[in-house]
């Protein structure tokens, strides 16, 4: 099977910032993304959990994006604009995809 180089961007942010992040990712040309709830973790401030919170607004979420290498830098900048003054993590790794046209909105497909 032939694979193609792509970038996987993972953003962990406070749930109330999701709408702003989504808007900036769309404006930056994200081909799509997936949002997942974060249930618990441990970081600089120590362990935390979503248990006992009245709403999801106090929680965290993860946004996953797979994109072409050409679009990755613009999407990282959009994500960092949201995350920099708040709690959050932005990371990018290399990955391989089977259908690259699904991860590049400018291709006219996907």
PDB file of N, CA and C in Angstrom:
ATOM      1  N   UNK A   1       0.850  -1.164   0.000  1.00  0.00           N
ATOM      2  CA  UNK A   1       0.000   0.000   0.000  1.00  0.00           C
ATOM      3  C   UNK A   1       0.902   1.236   0.000  1.00  0.00           C
ATOM      4  N   UNK A   2       0.568   2.196  -0.820  1.00  0.00           N
ATOM      5  CA  UNK A   2       1.351   3.431  -0.904  1.00  0.00           C
ATOM      6  C   UNK A   2       0.826   4.445   0.110  1.00  0.00           C
ATOM      7  N   UNK A   3       1.747   5.046   0.855  1.00  0.00           N
ATOM      8  CA  UNK A   3       1.367   6.078   1.814  1.00  0.00           C
ATOM      9  C   UNK A   3       2.031   7.405   1.444  1.00  0.00           C
ATOM     10  N   UNK A   4       1.519   8.477   2.032  1.00  0.00           N
ATOM     11  CA  UNK A   4       1.981   9.824   1.728  1.00  0.00           C
ATOM     12  C   UNK A   4       2.243  10.570   3.035  1.00  0.00           C
ATOM     13  N   UNK A   5       3.252  11.415   3.015  1.00  0.00           N
ATOM     14  CA  UNK A   5       3.614  12.186   4.200  1.00  0.00           C
ATOM     15  C   UNK A   5       2.519  13.185   4.556  1.00  0.00           C
ATOM     16  N   UNK A   6       2.246  13.295   5.846  1.00  0.00           N
ATOM     17  CA  UNK A   6       1.279  14.258   6.362  1.00  0.00           C
ATOM     18  C   UNK A   6       1.743  14.684   7.746  1.00  0.00           C
ATOM     19  N   UNK A   7       1.029  15.634   8.321  1.00  0.00           N
ATOM     20  CA  UNK A   7       1.319  16.105   9.674  1.00  0.00           C
ATOM     21  C   UNK A   7       0.085  15.890  10.534  1.00  0.00           C
ATOM     22  N   UNK A   8       0.317  15.448  11.765  1.00  0.00           N
ATOM     23  CA  UNK A   8      -0.759  15.287  12.749  1.00  0.00           C
ATOM     24  C   UNK A   8      -0.546  16.356  13.825  1.00  0.00           C
ATOM     25  N   UNK A   9      -1.538  17.205  13.987  1.00  0.00           N
ATOM     26  CA  UNK A   9      -1.483  18.265  14.990  1.00  0.00           C
ATOM     27  C   UNK A   9      -2.461  17.897  16.097  1.00  0.00           C
ATOM     28  N   UNK A  10      -1.981  17.970  17.313  1.00  0.00           N
ATOM     29  CA  UNK A  10      -2.812  17.658  18.482  1.00  0.00           C
ATOM     30  C   UNK A  10      -2.815  18.885  19.397  1.00  0.00           C
ATOM     31  N   UNK A  11      -4.009  19.343  19.736  1.00  0.00           N
ATOM     32  CA  UNK A  11      -4.169  20.536  20.556  1.00  0.00           C
ATOM     33  C   UNK A  11      -5.023  20.178  21.758  1.00  0.00           C
ATOM     34  N   UNK A  12      -4.494  20.390  22.952  1.00  0.00           N
ATOM     35  CA  UNK A  12      -5.260  20.174  24.179  1.00  0.00           C
ATOM     36  C   UNK A  12      -5.556  21.554  24.749  1.00  0.00           C
ATOM     37  N   UNK A  13      -6.853  21.878  24.880  1.00  0.00           N
ATOM     38  CA  UNK A  13      -7.252  23.208  25.342  1.00  0.00           C
ATOM     39  C   UNK A  13      -8.406  23.118  26.325  1.00  0.00           C
ATOM     40  N   UNK A  14      -8.655  24.230  26.994  1.00  0.00           N
ATOM     41  CA  UNK A  14      -9.824  24.335  27.859  1.00  0.00           C
ATOM     42  C   UNK A  14     -11.071  24.368  26.975  1.00  0.00           C
ATOM     43  N   UNK A  15     -12.090  23.627  27.352  1.00  0.00           N
ATOM     44  CA  UNK A  15     -13.298  23.492  26.544  1.00  0.00           C
ATOM     45  C   UNK A  15     -13.919  24.826  26.127  1.00  0.00           C
ATOM     46  N   UNK A  16     -13.957  25.863  26.971  1.00  0.00           N
ATOM     47  CA  UNK A  16     -14.561  27.122  26.540  1.00  0.00           C
ATOM     48  C   UNK A  16     -13.845  27.789  25.356  1.00  0.00           C
ATOM     49  N   UNK A  17     -12.617  27.385  25.065  1.00  0.00           N
ATOM     50  CA  UNK A  17     -11.868  27.972  23.955  1.00  0.00           C
ATOM     51  C   UNK A  17     -12.116  27.261  22.628  1.00  0.00           C
ATOM     52  N   UNK A  18     -12.861  26.173  22.652  1.00  0.00           N
ATOM     53  CA  UNK A  18     -13.049  25.355  21.455  1.00  0.00           C
ATOM     54  C   UNK A  18     -13.674  26.131  20.305  1.00  0.00           C
ATOM     55  N   UNK A  19     -14.678  26.920  20.565  1.00  0.00           N
ATOM     56  CA  UNK A  19     -15.348  27.665  19.485  1.00  0.00           C
ATOM     57  C   UNK A  19     -14.363  28.620  18.802  1.00  0.00           C
ATOM     58  N   UNK A  20     -13.578  29.335  19.606  1.00  0.00           N
ATOM     59  CA  UNK A  20     -12.599  30.270  19.036  1.00  0.00           C
ATOM     60  C   UNK A  20     -11.545  29.519  18.231  1.00  0.00           C
ATOM     61  N   UNK A  21     -11.040  28.412  18.773  1.00  0.00           N
ATOM     62  CA  UNK A  21     -10.050  27.615  18.064  1.00  0.00           C
ATOM     63  C   UNK A  21     -10.615  27.097  16.750  1.00  0.00           C
ATOM     64  N   UNK A  22     -11.829  26.577  16.771  1.00  0.00           N
ATOM     65  CA  UNK A  22     -12.453  26.045  15.552  1.00  0.00           C
ATOM     66  C   UNK A  22     -12.551  27.111  14.468  1.00  0.00           C
ATOM     67  N   UNK A  23     -12.942  28.312  14.863  1.00  0.00           N
ATOM     68  CA  UNK A  23     -13.067  29.421  13.907  1.00  0.00           C
ATOM     69  C   UNK A  23     -11.709  29.736  13.276  1.00  0.00           C
ATOM     70  N   UNK A  24     -10.673  29.832  14.097  1.00  0.00           N
ATOM     71  CA  UNK A  24      -9.345  30.144  13.574  1.00  0.00           C
ATOM     72  C   UNK A  24      -8.794  29.027  12.696  1.00  0.00           C
ATOM     73  N   UNK A  25      -9.056  27.775  13.058  1.00  0.00           N
ATOM     74  CA  UNK A  25      -8.614  26.652  12.226  1.00  0.00           C
ATOM     75  C   UNK A  25      -9.316  26.673  10.873  1.00  0.00           C
ATOM     76  N   UNK A  26     -10.617  26.955  10.880  1.00  0.00           N
ATOM     77  CA  UNK A  26     -11.361  27.044   9.619  1.00  0.00           C
ATOM     78  C   UNK A  26     -10.797  28.165   8.743  1.00  0.00           C
ATOM     79  N   UNK A  27     -10.539  29.325   9.358  1.00  0.00           N
ATOM     80  CA  UNK A  27      -9.987  30.463   8.613  1.00  0.00           C
ATOM     81  C   UNK A  27      -8.601  30.161   8.060  1.00  0.00           C
ATOM     82  N   UNK A  28      -7.832  29.342   8.765  1.00  0.00           N
ATOM     83  CA  UNK A  28      -6.477  28.988   8.337  1.00  0.00           C
ATOM     84  C   UNK A  28      -6.464  27.852   7.312  1.00  0.00           C
ATOM     85  N   UNK A  29      -7.636  27.300   6.974  1.00  0.00           N
ATOM     86  CA  UNK A  29      -7.721  26.275   5.943  1.00  0.00           C
ATOM     87  C   UNK A  29      -7.603  24.850   6.418  1.00  0.00           C
ATOM     88  N   UNK A  30      -7.948  24.579   7.673  1.00  0.00           N
ATOM     89  CA  UNK A  30      -7.907  23.195   8.159  1.00  0.00           C
ATOM     90  C   UNK A  30      -8.818  22.328   7.297  1.00  0.00           C
ATOM     91  N   UNK A  31      -8.341  21.159   6.869  1.00  0.00           N
ATOM     92  CA  UNK A  31      -9.167  20.287   6.054  1.00  0.00           C
ATOM     93  C   UNK A  31     -10.271  19.600   6.855  1.00  0.00           C
ATOM     94  N   UNK A  32     -10.194  19.676   8.164  1.00  0.00           N
ATOM     95  CA  UNK A  32     -11.151  19.047   9.067  1.00  0.00           C
ATOM     96  C   UNK A  32     -10.434  18.738  10.366  1.00  0.00           C
ATOM     97  N   UNK A  33     -11.196  18.390  11.383  1.00  0.00           N
ATOM     98  CA  UNK A  33     -10.598  18.063  12.670  1.00  0.00           C
ATOM     99  C   UNK A  33     -11.589  17.247  13.484  1.00  0.00           C
ATOM    100  N   UNK A  34     -11.077  16.614  14.511  1.00  0.00           N
ATOM    101  CA  UNK A  34     -11.888  15.806  15.411  1.00  0.00           C
ATOM    102  C   UNK A  34     -11.688  16.325  16.822  1.00  0.00           C
ATOM    103  N   UNK A  35     -12.777  16.436  17.575  1.00  0.00           N
ATOM    104  CA  UNK A  35     -12.716  16.927  18.951  1.00  0.00           C
ATOM    105  C   UNK A  35     -13.054  15.771  19.892  1.00  0.00           C
ATOM    106  N   UNK A  36     -12.206  15.578  20.900  1.00  0.00           N
ATOM    107  CA  UNK A  36     -12.391  14.514  21.883  1.00  0.00           C
ATOM    108  C   UNK A  36     -12.376  15.105  23.288  1.00  0.00           C
ATOM    109  N   UNK A  37     -13.210  14.597  24.189  1.00  0.00           N
ATOM    110  CA  UNK A  37     -13.151  15.075  25.570  1.00  0.00           C
ATOM    111  C   UNK A  37     -11.912  14.525  26.275  1.00  0.00           C
ATOM    112  N   UNK A  38     -11.358  15.305  27.173  1.00  0.00           N
ATOM    113  CA  UNK A  38     -10.244  14.866  28.000  1.00  0.00           C
ATOM    114  C   UNK A  38     -10.812  14.620  29.391  1.00  0.00           C
ATOM    115  N   UNK A  39     -10.623  13.436  29.929  1.00  0.00           N
ATOM    116  CA  UNK A  39     -11.247  13.050  31.196  1.00  0.00           C
ATOM    117  C   UNK A  39     -10.399  13.346  32.423  1.00  0.00           C
ATOM    118  N   UNK A  40      -9.089  13.268  32.274  1.00  0.00           N
ATOM    119  CA  UNK A  40      -8.201  13.484  33.413  1.00  0.00           C
ATOM    120  C   UNK A  40      -6.781  13.617  32.894  1.00  0.00           C
ATOM    121  N   UNK A  41      -5.894  14.036  33.790  1.00  0.00           N
ATOM    122  CA  UNK A  41      -4.497  14.146  33.407  1.00  0.00           C
ATOM    123  C   UNK A  41      -3.655  14.630  34.560  1.00  0.00           C
ATOM    124  N   UNK A  42      -2.416  14.931  34.244  1.00  0.00           N
ATOM    125  CA  UNK A  42      -1.500  15.474  35.229  1.00  0.00           C
ATOM    126  C   UNK A  42      -0.546  16.386  34.491  1.00  0.00           C
ATOM    127  N   UNK A  43      -0.291  17.542  35.072  1.00  0.00           N
ATOM    128  CA  UNK A  43       0.580  18.508  34.421  1.00  0.00           C
ATOM    129  C   UNK A  43       1.349  19.313  35.440  1.00  0.00           C
ATOM    130  N   UNK A  44       1.699  20.531  35.062  1.00  0.00           N
ATOM    131  CA  UNK A  44       2.483  21.423  35.911  1.00  0.00           C
ATOM    132  C   UNK A  44       1.813  21.634  37.267  1.00  0.00           C
ATOM    133  N   UNK A  45       0.491  21.738  37.274  1.00  0.00           N
ATOM    134  CA  UNK A  45      -0.244  21.968  38.528  1.00  0.00           C
ATOM    135  C   UNK A  45      -0.595  20.682  39.262  1.00  0.00           C
ATOM    136  N   UNK A  46      -0.148  19.548  38.737  1.00  0.00           N
ATOM    137  CA  UNK A  46      -0.448  18.270  39.373  1.00  0.00           C
ATOM    138  C   UNK A  46      -1.617  17.561  38.724  1.00  0.00           C
ATOM    139  N   UNK A  47      -2.079  16.460  39.320  1.00  0.00           N
ATOM    140  CA  UNK A  47      -3.173  15.684  38.733  1.00  0.00           C
ATOM    141  C   UNK A  47      -4.499  16.430  38.811  1.00  0.00           C
ATOM    142  N   UNK A  48      -5.352  16.172  37.828  1.00  0.00           N
ATOM    143  CA  UNK A  48      -6.694  16.744  37.821  1.00  0.00           C
ATOM    144  C   UNK A  48      -7.639  15.738  37.173  1.00  0.00           C
ATOM    145  N   UNK A  49      -8.922  15.918  37.401  1.00  0.00           N
ATOM    146  CA  UNK A  49      -9.938  15.060  36.806  1.00  0.00           C
ATOM    147  C   UNK A  49     -11.184  15.877  36.527  1.00  0.00           C
ATOM    148  N   UNK A  50     -11.944  15.404  35.586  1.00  0.00           N
ATOM    149  CA  UNK A  50     -13.191  16.069  35.231  1.00  0.00           C
ATOM    150  C   UNK A  50     -14.309  15.719  36.223  1.00  0.00           C
ATOM    151  N   UNK A  51     -14.113  14.697  37.034  1.00  0.00           N
ATOM    152  CA  UNK A  51     -15.119  14.260  38.007  1.00  0.00           C
ATOM    153  C   UNK A  51     -15.548  15.415  38.903  1.00  0.00           C
ATOM    154  N   UNK A  52     -16.821  15.493  39.150  1.00  0.00           N
ATOM    155  CA  UNK A  52     -17.349  16.485  40.073  1.00  0.00           C
ATOM    156  C   UNK A  52     -17.598  17.855  39.476  1.00  0.00           C
ATOM    157  N   UNK A  53     -17.236  18.060  38.218  1.00  0.00           N
ATOM    158  CA  UNK A  53     -17.503  19.349  37.605  1.00  0.00           C
ATOM    159  C   UNK A  53     -18.968  19.426  37.209  1.00  0.00           C
ATOM    160  N   UNK A  54     -19.547  20.593  37.396  1.00  0.00           N
ATOM    161  CA  UNK A  54     -20.967  20.781  37.106  1.00  0.00           C
ATOM    162  C   UNK A  54     -21.237  20.723  35.609  1.00  0.00           C
ATOM    163  N   UNK A  55     -20.320  21.235  34.789  1.00  0.00           N
ATOM    164  CA  UNK A  55     -20.513  21.197  33.335  1.00  0.00           C
ATOM    165  C   UNK A  55     -19.186  20.909  32.654  1.00  0.00           C
ATOM    166  N   UNK A  56     -19.250  20.642  31.361  1.00  0.00           N
ATOM    167  CA  UNK A  56     -18.041  20.385  30.587  1.00  0.00           C
ATOM    168  C   UNK A  56     -17.229  21.655  30.383  1.00  0.00           C
ATOM    169  N   UNK A  57     -17.803  22.814  30.681  1.00  0.00           N
ATOM    170  CA  UNK A  57     -17.117  24.090  30.473  1.00  0.00           C
ATOM    171  C   UNK A  57     -15.830  24.192  31.290  1.00  0.00           C
ATOM    172  N   UNK A  58     -15.743  23.472  32.390  1.00  0.00           N
ATOM    173  CA  UNK A  58     -14.538  23.501  33.198  1.00  0.00           C
ATOM    174  C   UNK A  58     -13.517  22.476  32.781  1.00  0.00           C
ATOM    175  N   UNK A  59     -13.822  21.700  31.763  1.00  0.00           N
ATOM    176  CA  UNK A  59     -12.947  20.618  31.341  1.00  0.00           C
ATOM    177  C   UNK A  59     -12.014  20.996  30.219  1.00  0.00           C
ATOM    178  N   UNK A  60     -11.370  19.994  29.703  1.00  0.00           N
ATOM    179  CA  UNK A  60     -10.408  20.135  28.620  1.00  0.00           C
ATOM    180  C   UNK A  60     -10.882  19.288  27.442  1.00  0.00           C
ATOM    181  N   UNK A  61     -10.401  19.634  26.257  1.00  0.00           N
ATOM    182  CA  UNK A  61     -10.691  18.812  25.089  1.00  0.00           C
ATOM    183  C   UNK A  61      -9.442  18.734  24.213  1.00  0.00           C
ATOM    184  N   UNK A  62      -9.410  17.716  23.374  1.00  0.00           N
ATOM    185  CA  UNK A  62      -8.320  17.525  22.434  1.00  0.00           C
ATOM    186  C   UNK A  62      -8.865  17.697  21.031  1.00  0.00           C
ATOM    187  N   UNK A  63      -8.163  18.465  20.222  1.00  0.00           N
ATOM    188  CA  UNK A  63      -8.515  18.653  18.819  1.00  0.00           C
ATOM    189  C   UNK A  63      -7.416  17.998  17.994  1.00  0.00           C
ATOM    190  N   UNK A  64      -7.801  17.054  17.138  1.00  0.00           N
ATOM    191  CA  UNK A  64      -6.856  16.346  16.271  1.00  0.00           C
ATOM    192  C   UNK A  64      -7.052  16.784  14.836  1.00  0.00           C
ATOM    193  N   UNK A  65      -5.953  17.085  14.168  1.00  0.00           N
ATOM    194  CA  UNK A  65      -5.985  17.496  12.766  1.00  0.00           C
ATOM    195  C   UNK A  65      -4.930  16.698  12.024  1.00  0.00           C
ATOM    196  N   UNK A  66      -5.275  16.162  10.880  1.00  0.00           N
ATOM    197  CA  UNK A  66      -4.287  15.581   9.978  1.00  0.00           C
ATOM    198  C   UNK A  66      -4.336  16.440   8.725  1.00  0.00           C
ATOM    199  N   UNK A  67      -3.175  16.922   8.299  1.00  0.00           N
ATOM    200  CA  UNK A  67      -3.134  17.864   7.190  1.00  0.00           C
ATOM    201  C   UNK A  67      -1.885  17.658   6.347  1.00  0.00           C
ATOM    202  N   UNK A  68      -1.856  18.346   5.226  1.00  0.00           N
ATOM    203  CA  UNK A  68      -0.673  18.305   4.374  1.00  0.00           C
ATOM    204  C   UNK A  68       0.468  19.055   5.057  1.00  0.00           C
ATOM    205  N   UNK A  69       1.701  18.672   4.781  1.00  0.00           N
ATOM    206  CA  UNK A  69       2.828  19.393   5.363  1.00  0.00           C
ATOM    207  C   UNK A  69       2.805  20.887   5.018  1.00  0.00           C
ATOM    208  N   UNK A  70       2.277  21.228   3.864  1.00  0.00           N
ATOM    209  CA  UNK A  70       2.234  22.627   3.431  1.00  0.00           C
ATOM    210  C   UNK A  70       1.299  23.483   4.281  1.00  0.00           C
ATOM    211  N   UNK A  71       0.250  22.918   4.802  1.00  0.00           N
ATOM    212  CA  UNK A  71      -0.720  23.666   5.613  1.00  0.00           C
ATOM    213  C   UNK A  71      -0.402  23.658   7.107  1.00  0.00           C
ATOM    214  N   UNK A  72       0.471  22.781   7.514  1.00  0.00           N
ATOM    215  CA  UNK A  72       0.701  22.549   8.939  1.00  0.00           C
ATOM    216  C   UNK A  72       1.153  23.798   9.695  1.00  0.00           C
ATOM    217  N   UNK A  73       2.055  24.565   9.148  1.00  0.00           N
ATOM    218  CA  UNK A  73       2.587  25.727   9.865  1.00  0.00           C
ATOM    219  C   UNK A  73       1.491  26.762  10.140  1.00  0.00           C
ATOM    220  N   UNK A  74       0.644  27.042   9.167  1.00  0.00           N
ATOM    221  CA  UNK A  74      -0.444  28.010   9.363  1.00  0.00           C
ATOM    222  C   UNK A  74      -1.416  27.523  10.433  1.00  0.00           C
ATOM    223  N   UNK A  75      -1.675  26.235  10.472  1.00  0.00           N
ATOM    224  CA  UNK A  75      -2.587  25.686  11.477  1.00  0.00           C
ATOM    225  C   UNK A  75      -1.952  25.716  12.859  1.00  0.00           C
ATOM    226  N   UNK A  76      -0.652  25.468  12.942  1.00  0.00           N
ATOM    227  CA  UNK A  76       0.045  25.553  14.231  1.00  0.00           C
ATOM    228  C   UNK A  76      -0.002  26.988  14.763  1.00  0.00           C
ATOM    229  N   UNK A  77       0.187  27.962  13.890  1.00  0.00           N
ATOM    230  CA  UNK A  77       0.132  29.365  14.309  1.00  0.00           C
ATOM    231  C   UNK A  77      -1.260  29.738  14.801  1.00  0.00           C
ATOM    232  N   UNK A  78      -2.302  29.278  14.097  1.00  0.00           N
ATOM    233  CA  UNK A  78      -3.677  29.556  14.529  1.00  0.00           C
ATOM    234  C   UNK A  78      -3.940  28.936  15.896  1.00  0.00           C
ATOM    235  N   UNK A  79      -3.480  27.719  16.096  1.00  0.00           N
ATOM    236  CA  UNK A  79      -3.687  27.043  17.382  1.00  0.00           C
ATOM    237  C   UNK A  79      -2.936  27.756  18.495  1.00  0.00           C
ATOM    238  N   UNK A  80      -1.707  28.147  18.224  1.00  0.00           N
ATOM    239  CA  UNK A  80      -0.907  28.786  19.267  1.00  0.00           C
ATOM    240  C   UNK A  80      -1.495  30.135  19.667  1.00  0.00           C
ATOM    241  N   UNK A  81      -2.134  30.820  18.736  1.00  0.00           N
ATOM    242  CA  UNK A  81      -2.779  32.097  19.054  1.00  0.00           C
ATOM    243  C   UNK A  81      -3.823  31.927  20.154  1.00  0.00           C
ATOM    244  N   UNK A  82      -4.524  30.802  20.143  1.00  0.00           N
ATOM    245  CA  UNK A  82      -5.532  30.528  21.163  1.00  0.00           C
ATOM    246  C   UNK A  82      -4.890  30.011  22.447  1.00  0.00           C
ATOM    247  N   UNK A  83      -3.938  29.118  22.324  1.00  0.00           N
ATOM    248  CA  UNK A  83      -3.374  28.432  23.479  1.00  0.00           C
ATOM    249  C   UNK A  83      -2.401  29.307  24.283  1.00  0.00           C
ATOM    250  N   UNK A  84      -1.638  30.157  23.632  1.00  0.00           N
ATOM    251  CA  UNK A  84      -0.553  30.873  24.309  1.00  0.00           C
ATOM    252  C   UNK A  84      -0.954  31.528  25.634  1.00  0.00           C
ATOM    253  N   UNK A  85      -2.057  32.294  25.701  1.00  0.00           N
ATOM    254  CA  UNK A  85      -2.377  32.935  26.988  1.00  0.00           C
ATOM    255  C   UNK A  85      -3.174  32.047  27.951  1.00  0.00           C
ATOM    256  N   UNK A  86      -3.394  30.785  27.610  1.00  0.00           N
ATOM    257  CA  UNK A  86      -4.236  29.905  28.411  1.00  0.00           C
ATOM    258  C   UNK A  86      -3.518  28.590  28.705  1.00  0.00           C
ATOM    259  N   UNK A  87      -4.208  27.707  29.390  1.00  0.00           N
ATOM    260  CA  UNK A  87      -3.715  26.355  29.611  1.00  0.00           C
ATOM    261  C   UNK A  87      -3.874  25.592  28.299  1.00  0.00           C
ATOM    262  N   UNK A  88      -2.865  24.871  27.893  1.00  0.00           N
ATOM    263  CA  UNK A  88      -3.004  24.069  26.687  1.00  0.00           C
ATOM    264  C   UNK A  88      -1.670  23.627  26.132  1.00  0.00           C
ATOM    265  N   UNK A  89      -1.744  22.682  25.218  1.00  0.00           N
ATOM    266  CA  UNK A  89      -0.566  22.107  24.574  1.00  0.00           C
ATOM    267  C   UNK A  89      -0.844  22.005  23.082  1.00  0.00           C
ATOM    268  N   UNK A  90       0.137  22.363  22.282  1.00  0.00           N
ATOM    269  CA  UNK A  90       0.057  22.185  20.828  1.00  0.00           C
ATOM    270  C   UNK A  90       1.272  21.360  20.419  1.00  0.00           C
ATOM    271  N   UNK A  91       1.030  20.250  19.716  1.00  0.00           N
ATOM    272  CA  UNK A  91       2.150  19.435  19.243  1.00  0.00           C
ATOM    273  C   UNK A  91       1.894  18.998  17.802  1.00  0.00           C
ATOM    274  N   UNK A  92       2.980  18.686  17.106  1.00  0.00           N
ATOM    275  CA  UNK A  92       2.866  18.237  15.722  1.00  0.00           C
ATOM    276  C   UNK A  92       3.832  17.085  15.513  1.00  0.00           C
ATOM    277  N   UNK A  93       3.354  16.044  14.847  1.00  0.00           N
ATOM    278  CA  UNK A  93       4.193  14.896  14.524  1.00  0.00           C
ATOM    279  C   UNK A  93       4.018  14.530  13.060  1.00  0.00           C
ATOM    280  N   UNK A  94       5.005  13.827  12.530  1.00  0.00           N
ATOM    281  CA  UNK A  94       4.899  13.307  11.172  1.00  0.00           C
ATOM    282  C   UNK A  94       4.022  12.070  11.196  1.00  0.00           C
ATOM    283  N   UNK A  95       3.232  11.894  10.151  1.00  0.00           N
ATOM    284  CA  UNK A  95       2.428  10.677  10.018  1.00  0.00           C
ATOM    285  C   UNK A  95       2.319  10.324   8.547  1.00  0.00           C
ATOM    286  N   UNK A  96       1.713   9.204   8.271  1.00  0.00           N
ATOM    287  CA  UNK A  96       1.501   8.735   6.910  1.00  0.00           C
ATOM    288  C   UNK A  96       0.010   8.523   6.683  1.00  0.00           C
ATOM    289  N   UNK A  97      -0.482   8.907   5.497  1.00  0.00           N
ATOM    290  CA  UNK A  97      -1.891   8.709   5.155  1.00  0.00           C
ATOM    291  C   UNK A  97      -1.984   7.959   3.833  1.00  0.00           C
ATOM    292  N   UNK A  98      -3.117   7.296   3.624  1.00  0.00           N
ATOM    293  CA  UNK A  98      -3.327   6.532   2.400  1.00  0.00           C
ATOM    294  C   UNK A  98      -3.959   7.407   1.318  1.00  0.00           C
ATOM    295  N   UNK A  99      -4.871   8.305   1.707  1.00  0.00           N
ATOM    296  CA  UNK A  99      -5.555   9.174   0.732  1.00  0.00           C
ATOM    297  C   UNK A  99      -5.241  10.638   1.045  1.00  0.00           C
ATOM    298  N   UNK A 100      -4.148  11.188   0.540  1.00  0.00           N
ATOM    299  CA  UNK A 100      -3.723  12.533   0.909  1.00  0.00           C
ATOM    300  C   UNK A 100      -4.719  13.620   0.523  1.00  0.00           C
ATOM    301  N   UNK A 101      -5.523  13.391  -0.496  1.00  0.00           N
ATOM    302  CA  UNK A 101      -6.486  14.415  -0.929  1.00  0.00           C
ATOM    303  C   UNK A 101      -7.533  14.715   0.149  1.00  0.00           C
ATOM    304  N   UNK A 102      -7.750  13.823   1.092  1.00  0.00           N
ATOM    305  CA  UNK A 102      -8.710  14.065   2.162  1.00  0.00           C
ATOM    306  C   UNK A 102      -8.181  15.077   3.186  1.00  0.00           C
ATOM    307  N   UNK A 103      -6.887  15.327   3.178  1.00  0.00           N
ATOM    308  CA  UNK A 103      -6.277  16.157   4.203  1.00  0.00           C
ATOM    309  C   UNK A 103      -5.740  17.470   3.664  1.00  0.00           C
ATOM    310  N   UNK A 104      -6.204  17.855   2.484  1.00  0.00           N
ATOM    311  CA  UNK A 104      -5.786  19.109   1.859  1.00  0.00           C
ATOM    312  C   UNK A 104      -6.997  19.737   1.199  1.00  0.00           C
ATOM    313  N   UNK A 105      -7.620  20.679   1.893  1.00  0.00           N
ATOM    314  CA  UNK A 105      -8.851  21.308   1.412  1.00  0.00           C
ATOM    315  C   UNK A 105      -8.648  21.945   0.033  1.00  0.00           C
ATOM    316  N   UNK A 106      -7.453  22.402  -0.305  1.00  0.00           N
ATOM    317  CA  UNK A 106      -7.210  23.075  -1.584  1.00  0.00           C
ATOM    318  C   UNK A 106      -7.233  22.107  -2.758  1.00  0.00           C
ATOM    319  N   UNK A 107      -7.256  20.782  -2.505  1.00  0.00           N
ATOM    320  CA  UNK A 107      -7.247  19.818  -3.602  1.00  0.00           C
ATOM    321  C   UNK A 107      -8.590  19.698  -4.298  1.00  0.00           C
ATOM    322  N   UNK A 108      -9.635  20.288  -3.699  1.00  0.00           N
ATOM    323  CA  UNK A 108     -10.952  20.208  -4.307  1.00  0.00           C
ATOM    324  C   UNK A 108     -11.717  18.974  -3.914  1.00  0.00           C
ATOM    325  N   UNK A 109     -11.114  18.084  -3.139  1.00  0.00           N
ATOM    326  CA  UNK A 109     -11.780  16.879  -2.674  1.00  0.00           C
ATOM    327  C   UNK A 109     -11.794  16.874  -1.157  1.00  0.00           C
ATOM    328  N   UNK A 110     -12.611  15.990  -0.561  1.00  0.00           N
ATOM    329  CA  UNK A 110     -12.568  15.806   0.874  1.00  0.00           C
ATOM    330  C   UNK A 110     -13.522  16.601   1.638  1.00  0.00           C
TER     331      UNK A 110
END
